[in-house]
Amino acid sequence: MCRAPETRASLMSSDSDRELLEYVEELTSLSSNCLSDDDVDKLIECSLSGEGVVEVKVDGLHVIMPCSDTPEAWANLLHVYCLRDYLRVDGFEPRPGWVVVDAGAYLGFYTLFAAKRVGSNGLVIAIEPLQRNRVFIEENVVLNGFMDRVRIDPRALWSSTERRVLAVSCYPATSSFYREYVERHGDVCSEKRVSTVTLPELLREHGLSRVDLLKVDVEGAEADILAVRGWEDVVQRLVIEVHPWVVNVDAVANLLESRGFSVRVVDIGSPSQVMLFAWRRHT
């Protein structure tokens, strides 16, 4: 259900808001030893009101997010920084000087995570087609002084370069080119026509001869993006959030193995997603 921020307070007796309270309690527990008590209190208030913007500190970084996206954005923050799901396999934490591409950057949580680690000699390219999300990426990048190492690309990765309709979820992180994917998560609040680019074209346009890590969270478009040839010799590692009910995990793994990568699929305890890690085999 898509909760309008102005109605949350008046719906606290409904089943949906009991679910909201239970979800907030779960996130509060997961935040222990990761976020300060003050920041957890701010996120609780933010999630229950759905109004305004909240700023928290995690991993030594300042992060802002719209309350209209909480508690889901809070869960996304935990996914990156507290549960550290993108580090479930050794060798995938960005290092000084690395080039990282963040496909599906949303509000920039992983972008900041990578930018801190690659340092001033590294580069992070944040790919995000929704303008309202890019506003927060830009603010988060400026807030942390990472303007020297982050580029924001306003397109979406896809299997071709075109203008394409994106189904925009009421929780924008789950927006997708596949309307049925969004509807499974909740409601489609709008549709926007966005510009797309293939992965090989993106790499050429940014002048990248090597990408140390490609992070992919593209809400059902994983196989479409990776099927295009021409990027395999540039990308050294991939970490992909795969949604098994819409994307065949074995098919993605087999595709990567056929392109010269070793693959490991990691169950993170979620029925709706697994993490796929791939690294180039050196012969």
C-alpha atoms as a PDB file:
ATOM      1  CA  MET A   1       0.000   0.000   0.000  1.00  0.00           C
ATOM      2  CA  CYS A   2       1.253   3.506  -0.837  1.00  0.00           C
ATOM      3  CA  ARG A   3       0.808   5.693   2.239  1.00  0.00           C
ATOM      4  CA  ALA A   4       0.276   9.393   1.583  1.00  0.00           C
ATOM      5  CA  PRO A   5       2.337  11.304   4.167  1.00  0.00           C
ATOM      6  CA  GLU A   6      -0.531  13.575   5.208  1.00  0.00           C
ATOM      7  CA  THR A   7      -2.769  10.624   6.119  1.00  0.00           C
ATOM      8  CA  ARG A   8      -0.433   8.446   8.178  1.00  0.00           C
ATOM      9  CA  ALA A   9      -1.228  10.015  11.538  1.00  0.00           C
ATOM     10  CA  SER A  10      -4.957   9.666  10.990  1.00  0.00           C
ATOM     11  CA  LEU A  11      -4.732   5.991  10.002  1.00  0.00           C
ATOM     12  CA  MET A  12      -2.906   4.606  13.030  1.00  0.00           C
ATOM     13  CA  SER A  13      -5.761   2.237  13.879  1.00  0.00           C
ATOM     14  CA  SER A  14      -5.787   0.575  10.444  1.00  0.00           C
ATOM     15  CA  ASP A  15      -4.181  -2.755   9.598  1.00  0.00           C
ATOM     16  CA  SER A  16      -1.703  -1.064   7.277  1.00  0.00           C
ATOM     17  CA  ASP A  17      -0.424   1.146  10.057  1.00  0.00           C
ATOM     18  CA  ARG A  18      -0.118  -1.759  12.465  1.00  0.00           C
ATOM     19  CA  GLU A  19       2.134  -3.279   9.806  1.00  0.00           C
ATOM     20  CA  LEU A  20       4.016   0.017   9.643  1.00  0.00           C
ATOM     21  CA  LEU A  21       4.611  -0.021  13.397  1.00  0.00           C
ATOM     22  CA  GLU A  22       5.806  -3.628  13.284  1.00  0.00           C
ATOM     23  CA  TYR A  23       8.187  -2.780  10.438  1.00  0.00           C
ATOM     24  CA  VAL A  24       9.546   0.225  12.337  1.00  0.00           C
ATOM     25  CA  GLU A  25      10.135  -1.985  15.391  1.00  0.00           C
ATOM     26  CA  GLU A  26      12.052  -4.473  13.236  1.00  0.00           C
ATOM     27  CA  LEU A  27      14.220  -1.716  11.731  1.00  0.00           C
ATOM     28  CA  THR A  28      14.841  -0.256  15.184  1.00  0.00           C
ATOM     29  CA  SER A  29      16.217  -3.601  16.327  1.00  0.00           C
ATOM     30  CA  LEU A  30      18.412  -3.966  13.231  1.00  0.00           C
ATOM     31  CA  SER A  31      19.803  -0.461  13.772  1.00  0.00           C
ATOM     32  CA  SER A  32      21.378  -1.273  17.132  1.00  0.00           C
ATOM     33  CA  ASN A  33      25.184  -1.019  17.157  1.00  0.00           C
ATOM     34  CA  CYS A  34      25.016   0.801  13.801  1.00  0.00           C
ATOM     35  CA  LEU A  35      23.013   4.001  14.266  1.00  0.00           C
ATOM     36  CA  SER A  36      22.909   6.245  17.307  1.00  0.00           C
ATOM     37  CA  ASP A  37      19.825   6.210  19.531  1.00  0.00           C
ATOM     38  CA  ASP A  38      19.133   9.834  18.565  1.00  0.00           C
ATOM     39  CA  ASP A  39      19.224   9.002  14.863  1.00  0.00           C
ATOM     40  CA  VAL A  40      16.987   5.969  15.377  1.00  0.00           C
ATOM     41  CA  ASP A  41      14.488   8.204  17.191  1.00  0.00           C
ATOM     42  CA  LYS A  42      14.586  10.637  14.259  1.00  0.00           C
ATOM     43  CA  LEU A  43      13.966   7.814  11.785  1.00  0.00           C
ATOM     44  CA  ILE A  44      11.043   6.499  13.825  1.00  0.00           C
ATOM     45  CA  GLU A  45       9.428   9.943  13.922  1.00  0.00           C
ATOM     46  CA  CYS A  46      10.158  10.403  10.220  1.00  0.00           C
ATOM     47  CA  SER A  47       8.629   7.026   9.323  1.00  0.00           C
ATOM     48  CA  LEU A  48       5.461   7.635  11.312  1.00  0.00           C
ATOM     49  CA  SER A  49       4.876  11.165  10.018  1.00  0.00           C
ATOM     50  CA  GLY A  50       6.031  10.755   6.427  1.00  0.00           C
ATOM     51  CA  GLU A  51       6.777  14.483   6.338  1.00  0.00           C
ATOM     52  CA  GLY A  52       9.966  16.442   5.836  1.00  0.00           C
ATOM     53  CA  VAL A  53      13.571  15.325   5.476  1.00  0.00           C
ATOM     54  CA  VAL A  54      15.787  13.553   8.004  1.00  0.00           C
ATOM     55  CA  GLU A  55      19.562  13.576   8.353  1.00  0.00           C
ATOM     56  CA  VAL A  56      21.441  10.776  10.095  1.00  0.00           C
ATOM     57  CA  LYS A  57      25.078   9.842  10.536  1.00  0.00           C
ATOM     58  CA  VAL A  58      26.396   6.400   9.627  1.00  0.00           C
ATOM     59  CA  ASP A  59      29.884   5.116   8.822  1.00  0.00           C
ATOM     60  CA  GLY A  60      31.179   8.620   9.508  1.00  0.00           C
ATOM     61  CA  LEU A  61      28.963  10.000   6.724  1.00  0.00           C
ATOM     62  CA  HIS A  62      26.035  12.415   6.804  1.00  0.00           C
ATOM     63  CA  VAL A  63      23.022  11.040   4.948  1.00  0.00           C
ATOM     64  CA  ILE A  64      19.717  12.738   4.189  1.00  0.00           C
ATOM     65  CA  MET A  65      16.510  11.133   2.964  1.00  0.00           C
ATOM     66  CA  PRO A  66      12.877  12.187   2.481  1.00  0.00           C
ATOM     67  CA  CYS A  67      10.505  10.986   5.191  1.00  0.00           C
ATOM     68  CA  SER A  68       7.978  10.165   2.480  1.00  0.00           C
ATOM     69  CA  ASP A  69      10.296   7.274   1.515  1.00  0.00           C
ATOM     70  CA  THR A  70      10.643   5.897   5.034  1.00  0.00           C
ATOM     71  CA  PRO A  71      10.625   3.349   6.530  1.00  0.00           C
ATOM     72  CA  GLU A  72      11.689   1.695   3.257  1.00  0.00           C
ATOM     73  CA  ALA A  73      14.592   4.134   2.734  1.00  0.00           C
ATOM     74  CA  TRP A  74      15.681   3.393   6.309  1.00  0.00           C
ATOM     75  CA  ALA A  75      15.749  -0.306   5.409  1.00  0.00           C
ATOM     76  CA  ASN A  76      17.805   0.530   2.320  1.00  0.00           C
ATOM     77  CA  LEU A  77      20.298   2.391   4.505  1.00  0.00           C
ATOM     78  CA  LEU A  78      20.631  -0.656   6.779  1.00  0.00           C
ATOM     79  CA  HIS A  79      21.031  -2.885   3.718  1.00  0.00           C
ATOM     80  CA  VAL A  80      24.161  -0.944   2.712  1.00  0.00           C
ATOM     81  CA  TYR A  81      25.744   0.122   6.003  1.00  0.00           C
ATOM     82  CA  CYS A  82      24.549  -2.108   8.829  1.00  0.00           C
ATOM     83  CA  LEU A  83      23.745  -5.488   7.281  1.00  0.00           C
ATOM     84  CA  ARG A  84      26.546  -4.836   4.747  1.00  0.00           C
ATOM     85  CA  ASP A  85      24.887  -7.046   2.168  1.00  0.00           C
ATOM     86  CA  TYR A  86      27.146  -5.756  -0.622  1.00  0.00           C
ATOM     87  CA  LEU A  87      30.174  -7.122   1.251  1.00  0.00           C
ATOM     88  CA  ARG A  88      28.994 -10.696   1.770  1.00  0.00           C
ATOM     89  CA  VAL A  89      31.941 -11.958  -0.322  1.00  0.00           C
ATOM     90  CA  ASP A  90      35.547 -10.957   0.323  1.00  0.00           C
ATOM     91  CA  GLY A  91      37.159  -8.585  -2.156  1.00  0.00           C
ATOM     92  CA  PHE A  92      34.085  -6.472  -2.893  1.00  0.00           C
ATOM     93  CA  GLU A  93      34.695  -3.540  -0.575  1.00  0.00           C
ATOM     94  CA  PRO A  94      35.804  -0.571  -2.707  1.00  0.00           C
ATOM     95  CA  ARG A  95      39.452   0.384  -2.279  1.00  0.00           C
ATOM     96  CA  PRO A  96      41.436   3.618  -2.762  1.00  0.00           C
ATOM     97  CA  GLY A  97      41.710   4.529  -6.434  1.00  0.00           C
ATOM     98  CA  TRP A  98      38.946   2.202  -7.629  1.00  0.00           C
ATOM     99  CA  VAL A  99      36.409   3.103 -10.288  1.00  0.00           C
ATOM    100  CA  VAL A 100      32.903   2.088  -9.181  1.00  0.00           C
ATOM    101  CA  VAL A 101      29.669   2.289 -11.176  1.00  0.00           C
ATOM    102  CA  ASP A 102      26.497   2.435  -9.063  1.00  0.00           C
ATOM    103  CA  ALA A 103      23.630   1.405 -11.352  1.00  0.00           C
ATOM    104  CA  GLY A 104      20.355   2.208  -9.624  1.00  0.00           C
ATOM    105  CA  ALA A 105      21.754   4.755  -7.186  1.00  0.00           C
ATOM    106  CA  TYR A 106      18.389   5.818  -5.672  1.00  0.00           C
ATOM    107  CA  LEU A 107      19.255   8.415  -2.961  1.00  0.00           C
ATOM    108  CA  GLY A 108      22.977   7.734  -3.121  1.00  0.00           C
ATOM    109  CA  PHE A 109      23.495   5.510  -0.080  1.00  0.00           C
ATOM    110  CA  TYR A 110      25.862   3.100  -1.856  1.00  0.00           C
ATOM    111  CA  THR A 111      27.366   5.976  -3.838  1.00  0.00           C
ATOM    112  CA  LEU A 112      28.501   7.565  -0.558  1.00  0.00           C
ATOM    113  CA  PHE A 113      29.676   4.213   0.787  1.00  0.00           C
ATOM    114  CA  ALA A 114      31.886   3.721  -2.271  1.00  0.00           C
ATOM    115  CA  ALA A 115      33.010   7.354  -2.541  1.00  0.00           C
ATOM    116  CA  LYS A 116      34.382   7.309   0.999  1.00  0.00           C
ATOM    117  CA  ARG A 117      36.442   4.210   0.221  1.00  0.00           C
ATOM    118  CA  VAL A 118      37.784   5.037  -3.252  1.00  0.00           C
ATOM    119  CA  GLY A 119      39.153   8.344  -1.993  1.00  0.00           C
ATOM    120  CA  SER A 120      40.085  11.447  -3.971  1.00  0.00           C
ATOM    121  CA  ASN A 121      41.974   9.373  -6.573  1.00  0.00           C
ATOM    122  CA  GLY A 122      38.981   7.152  -7.270  1.00  0.00           C
ATOM    123  CA  LEU A 123      35.711   7.662  -9.132  1.00  0.00           C
ATOM    124  CA  VAL A 124      32.083   6.708  -8.531  1.00  0.00           C
ATOM    125  CA  ILE A 125      29.483   7.069 -11.273  1.00  0.00           C
ATOM    126  CA  ALA A 126      25.942   7.169  -9.870  1.00  0.00           C
ATOM    127  CA  ILE A 127      23.306   6.209 -12.439  1.00  0.00           C
ATOM    128  CA  GLU A 128      19.806   7.401 -11.550  1.00  0.00           C
ATOM    129  CA  PRO A 129      17.052   8.348 -14.031  1.00  0.00           C
ATOM    130  CA  LEU A 130      14.571   9.933 -11.572  1.00  0.00           C
ATOM    131  CA  GLN A 131      15.190  13.625 -11.022  1.00  0.00           C
ATOM    132  CA  ARG A 132      13.682  13.657  -7.519  1.00  0.00           C
ATOM    133  CA  ASN A 133      16.179  10.980  -6.483  1.00  0.00           C
ATOM    134  CA  ARG A 134      19.095  12.793  -8.110  1.00  0.00           C
ATOM    135  CA  VAL A 135      18.359  15.859  -5.983  1.00  0.00           C
ATOM    136  CA  PHE A 136      19.105  13.795  -2.871  1.00  0.00           C
ATOM    137  CA  ILE A 137      22.179  12.173  -4.420  1.00  0.00           C
ATOM    138  CA  GLU A 138      23.550  15.630  -5.202  1.00  0.00           C
ATOM    139  CA  GLU A 139      22.792  16.931  -1.714  1.00  0.00           C
ATOM    140  CA  ASN A 140      24.376  13.883  -0.082  1.00  0.00           C
ATOM    141  CA  VAL A 141      27.482  14.159  -2.252  1.00  0.00           C
ATOM    142  CA  VAL A 142      27.900  17.866  -1.454  1.00  0.00           C
ATOM    143  CA  LEU A 143      27.164  17.332   2.242  1.00  0.00           C
ATOM    144  CA  ASN A 144      30.080  14.891   2.453  1.00  0.00           C
ATOM    145  CA  GLY A 145      32.474  16.802   0.224  1.00  0.00           C
ATOM    146  CA  PHE A 146      32.649  14.137  -2.484  1.00  0.00           C
ATOM    147  CA  MET A 147      32.166  16.405  -5.495  1.00  0.00           C
ATOM    148  CA  ASP A 148      35.716  15.586  -6.627  1.00  0.00           C
ATOM    149  CA  ARG A 149      35.029  11.870  -7.047  1.00  0.00           C
ATOM    150  CA  VAL A 150      31.335  11.411  -7.952  1.00  0.00           C
ATOM    151  CA  ARG A 151      29.648  11.865 -11.322  1.00  0.00           C
ATOM    152  CA  ILE A 152      25.860  11.613 -11.591  1.00  0.00           C
ATOM    153  CA  ASP A 153      24.442  10.228 -14.841  1.00  0.00           C
ATOM    154  CA  PRO A 154      20.717  11.000 -15.366  1.00  0.00           C
ATOM    155  CA  ARG A 155      19.939   7.954 -17.504  1.00  0.00           C
ATOM    156  CA  ALA A 156      18.899   4.380 -16.852  1.00  0.00           C
ATOM    157  CA  LEU A 157      20.861   1.342 -17.973  1.00  0.00           C
ATOM    158  CA  TRP A 158      18.960  -0.800 -20.457  1.00  0.00           C
ATOM    159  CA  SER A 159      19.495  -3.137 -23.409  1.00  0.00           C
ATOM    160  CA  SER A 160      19.280  -0.270 -25.922  1.00  0.00           C
ATOM    161  CA  THR A 161      19.629   3.489 -26.127  1.00  0.00           C
ATOM    162  CA  GLU A 162      16.178   5.051 -26.368  1.00  0.00           C
ATOM    163  CA  ARG A 163      13.447   6.918 -24.528  1.00  0.00           C
ATOM    164  CA  ARG A 164      11.468   4.427 -22.448  1.00  0.00           C
ATOM    165  CA  VAL A 165       8.561   4.536 -20.007  1.00  0.00           C
ATOM    166  CA  LEU A 166       9.525   3.921 -16.375  1.00  0.00           C
ATOM    167  CA  ALA A 167       6.765   2.837 -13.981  1.00  0.00           C
ATOM    168  CA  VAL A 168       7.390   5.003 -10.922  1.00  0.00           C
ATOM    169  CA  SER A 169       6.546   3.301  -7.656  1.00  0.00           C
ATOM    170  CA  CYS A 170       4.993   5.162  -4.724  1.00  0.00           C
ATOM    171  CA  TYR A 171       8.256   4.123  -3.045  1.00  0.00           C
ATOM    172  CA  PRO A 172      10.575   5.380  -5.823  1.00  0.00           C
ATOM    173  CA  ALA A 173      13.413   2.923  -5.097  1.00  0.00           C
ATOM    174  CA  THR A 174      11.333   0.127  -6.652  1.00  0.00           C
ATOM    175  CA  SER A 175      10.523   1.962  -9.891  1.00  0.00           C
ATOM    176  CA  SER A 176      11.029  -0.290 -12.885  1.00  0.00           C
ATOM    177  CA  PHE A 177      10.644  -0.712 -16.631  1.00  0.00           C
ATOM    178  CA  TYR A 178       8.496  -3.712 -15.704  1.00  0.00           C
ATOM    179  CA  ARG A 179       5.146  -2.473 -14.443  1.00  0.00           C
ATOM    180  CA  GLU A 180       4.274  -5.862 -12.931  1.00  0.00           C
ATOM    181  CA  TYR A 181       7.408  -5.641 -10.788  1.00  0.00           C
ATOM    182  CA  VAL A 182       6.233  -2.344  -9.274  1.00  0.00           C
ATOM    183  CA  GLU A 183       2.690  -3.626  -8.786  1.00  0.00           C
ATOM    184  CA  ARG A 184       3.995  -6.603  -6.844  1.00  0.00           C
ATOM    185  CA  HIS A 185       5.687  -4.209  -4.418  1.00  0.00           C
ATOM    186  CA  GLY A 186       2.772  -1.773  -4.191  1.00  0.00           C
ATOM    187  CA  ASP A 187       1.271   0.915  -6.377  1.00  0.00           C
ATOM    188  CA  VAL A 188       2.399   2.638  -9.554  1.00  0.00           C
ATOM    189  CA  CYS A 189       2.101   6.333  -8.708  1.00  0.00           C
ATOM    190  CA  SER A 190       3.095   7.678 -12.124  1.00  0.00           C
ATOM    191  CA  GLU A 191       4.890   6.954 -15.370  1.00  0.00           C
ATOM    192  CA  LYS A 192       7.872   8.896 -16.678  1.00  0.00           C
ATOM    193  CA  ARG A 193       9.662   8.662 -19.991  1.00  0.00           C
ATOM    194  CA  VAL A 194      13.401   8.485 -19.315  1.00  0.00           C
ATOM    195  CA  SER A 195      16.555   8.222 -21.394  1.00  0.00           C
ATOM    196  CA  THR A 196      18.359   4.879 -21.432  1.00  0.00           C
ATOM    197  CA  VAL A 197      21.889   3.842 -22.337  1.00  0.00           C
ATOM    198  CA  THR A 198      23.593   0.481 -22.740  1.00  0.00           C
ATOM    199  CA  LEU A 199      26.413  -0.479 -20.416  1.00  0.00           C
ATOM    200  CA  PRO A 200      29.083  -0.497 -23.178  1.00  0.00           C
ATOM    201  CA  GLU A 201      27.967   2.955 -24.361  1.00  0.00           C
ATOM    202  CA  LEU A 202      28.019   4.301 -20.820  1.00  0.00           C
ATOM    203  CA  LEU A 203      31.577   3.070 -20.295  1.00  0.00           C
ATOM    204  CA  ARG A 204      32.742   4.616 -23.581  1.00  0.00           C
ATOM    205  CA  GLU A 205      31.086   7.948 -22.915  1.00  0.00           C
ATOM    206  CA  HIS A 206      32.702   8.227 -19.483  1.00  0.00           C
ATOM    207  CA  GLY A 207      36.074   7.201 -20.905  1.00  0.00           C
ATOM    208  CA  LEU A 208      36.417   4.126 -18.706  1.00  0.00           C
ATOM    209  CA  SER A 209      38.903   1.461 -19.729  1.00  0.00           C
ATOM    210  CA  ARG A 210      38.546  -0.320 -16.385  1.00  0.00           C
ATOM    211  CA  VAL A 211      35.739  -0.581 -13.836  1.00  0.00           C
ATOM    212  CA  ASP A 212      36.806  -2.236 -10.619  1.00  0.00           C
ATOM    213  CA  LEU A 213      33.252  -2.778  -9.382  1.00  0.00           C
ATOM    214  CA  LEU A 214      29.829  -2.566 -10.980  1.00  0.00           C
ATOM    215  CA  LYS A 215      26.998  -2.501  -8.450  1.00  0.00           C
ATOM    216  CA  VAL A 216      23.605  -3.308  -9.988  1.00  0.00           C
ATOM    217  CA  ASP A 217      20.207  -2.739  -8.354  1.00  0.00           C
ATOM    218  CA  VAL A 218      17.864  -2.135 -11.258  1.00  0.00           C
ATOM    219  CA  GLU A 219      14.554  -3.640 -10.163  1.00  0.00           C
ATOM    220  CA  GLY A 220      14.116  -6.516 -12.602  1.00  0.00           C
ATOM    221  CA  ALA A 221      16.248  -5.280 -15.518  1.00  0.00           C
ATOM    222  CA  GLU A 222      19.436  -7.145 -14.556  1.00  0.00           C
ATOM    223  CA  ALA A 223      19.407  -9.661 -17.398  1.00  0.00           C
ATOM    224  CA  ASP A 224      18.455  -7.018 -19.990  1.00  0.00           C
ATOM    225  CA  ILE A 225      21.442  -4.858 -19.065  1.00  0.00           C
ATOM    226  CA  LEU A 226      24.027  -7.632 -18.900  1.00  0.00           C
ATOM    227  CA  ALA A 227      22.961  -9.416 -22.099  1.00  0.00           C
ATOM    228  CA  VAL A 228      24.450  -6.626 -24.236  1.00  0.00           C
ATOM    229  CA  ARG A 229      28.009  -7.503 -25.220  1.00  0.00           C
ATOM    230  CA  GLY A 230      31.011  -5.182 -25.067  1.00  0.00           C
ATOM    231  CA  TRP A 231      31.541  -4.481 -21.353  1.00  0.00           C
ATOM    232  CA  GLU A 232      33.080  -7.772 -20.206  1.00  0.00           C
ATOM    233  CA  ASP A 233      36.756  -6.852 -20.631  1.00  0.00           C
ATOM    234  CA  VAL A 234      36.310  -3.593 -18.720  1.00  0.00           C
ATOM    235  CA  VAL A 235      34.384  -4.687 -15.624  1.00  0.00           C
ATOM    236  CA  GLN A 236      36.374  -6.679 -13.079  1.00  0.00           C
ATOM    237  CA  ARG A 237      33.691  -7.395 -10.464  1.00  0.00           C
ATOM    238  CA  LEU A 238      29.918  -7.182 -10.176  1.00  0.00           C
ATOM    239  CA  VAL A 239      27.600  -7.244  -7.184  1.00  0.00           C
ATOM    240  CA  ILE A 240      23.989  -7.583  -8.260  1.00  0.00           C
ATOM    241  CA  GLU A 241      20.774  -7.509  -6.280  1.00  0.00           C
ATOM    242  CA  VAL A 242      18.586 -10.078  -8.034  1.00  0.00           C
ATOM    243  CA  HIS A 243      14.854 -10.544  -7.502  1.00  0.00           C
ATOM    244  CA  PRO A 244      14.190 -14.257  -8.139  1.00  0.00           C
ATOM    245  CA  TRP A 245      10.463 -13.944  -8.680  1.00  0.00           C
ATOM    246  CA  VAL A 246      11.014 -11.723 -11.734  1.00  0.00           C
ATOM    247  CA  VAL A 247      14.564 -12.622 -12.834  1.00  0.00           C
ATOM    248  CA  ASN A 248      15.961 -16.144 -13.209  1.00  0.00           C
ATOM    249  CA  VAL A 249      19.022 -16.139 -10.947  1.00  0.00           C
ATOM    250  CA  ASP A 250      20.553 -19.196 -12.654  1.00  0.00           C
ATOM    251  CA  ALA A 251      20.178 -17.523 -16.041  1.00  0.00           C
ATOM    252  CA  VAL A 252      22.063 -14.427 -14.850  1.00  0.00           C
ATOM    253  CA  ALA A 253      24.748 -16.588 -13.241  1.00  0.00           C
ATOM    254  CA  ASN A 254      25.132 -18.684 -16.390  1.00  0.00           C
ATOM    255  CA  LEU A 255      25.368 -15.573 -18.556  1.00  0.00           C
ATOM    256  CA  LEU A 256      28.175 -14.180 -16.403  1.00  0.00           C
ATOM    257  CA  GLU A 257      30.009 -17.491 -16.308  1.00  0.00           C
ATOM    258  CA  SER A 258      29.846 -17.677 -20.100  1.00  0.00           C
ATOM    259  CA  ARG A 259      31.449 -14.216 -20.232  1.00  0.00           C
ATOM    260  CA  GLY A 260      34.444 -15.264 -18.137  1.00  0.00           C
ATOM    261  CA  PHE A 261      33.309 -14.616 -14.573  1.00  0.00           C
ATOM    262  CA  SER A 262      33.229 -16.786 -11.483  1.00  0.00           C
ATOM    263  CA  VAL A 263      29.902 -16.431  -9.667  1.00  0.00           C
ATOM    264  CA  ARG A 264      28.627 -16.871  -6.137  1.00  0.00           C
ATOM    265  CA  VAL A 265      24.972 -16.406  -5.135  1.00  0.00           C
ATOM    266  CA  VAL A 266      24.376 -15.440  -1.498  1.00  0.00           C
ATOM    267  CA  ASP A 267      21.080 -15.849   0.349  1.00  0.00           C
ATOM    268  CA  ILE A 268      20.632 -12.776   2.585  1.00  0.00           C
ATOM    269  CA  GLY A 269      17.516 -14.079   4.313  1.00  0.00           C
ATOM    270  CA  SER A 270      15.017 -12.221   2.141  1.00  0.00           C
ATOM    271  CA  PRO A 271      12.336 -14.044   0.131  1.00  0.00           C
ATOM    272  CA  SER A 272      12.393 -11.331  -2.536  1.00  0.00           C
ATOM    273  CA  GLN A 273      16.098 -10.905  -3.265  1.00  0.00           C
ATOM    274  CA  VAL A 274      19.500 -12.547  -3.305  1.00  0.00           C
ATOM    275  CA  MET A 275      22.954 -11.074  -3.840  1.00  0.00           C
ATOM    276  CA  LEU A 276      24.989 -12.274  -6.786  1.00  0.00           C
ATOM    277  CA  PHE A 277      28.744 -11.675  -6.714  1.00  0.00           C
ATOM    278  CA  ALA A 278      30.873 -12.147  -9.826  1.00  0.00           C
ATOM    279  CA  TRP A 279      34.582 -11.647 -10.459  1.00  0.00           C
ATOM    280  CA  ARG A 280      36.663 -11.978 -13.583  1.00  0.00           C
ATOM    281  CA  ARG A 281      38.564 -15.210 -14.019  1.00  0.00           C
ATOM    282  CA  HIS A 282      42.181 -14.483 -14.893  1.00  0.00           C
ATOM    283  CA  THR A 283      43.807 -17.016 -17.185  1.00  0.00           C
END
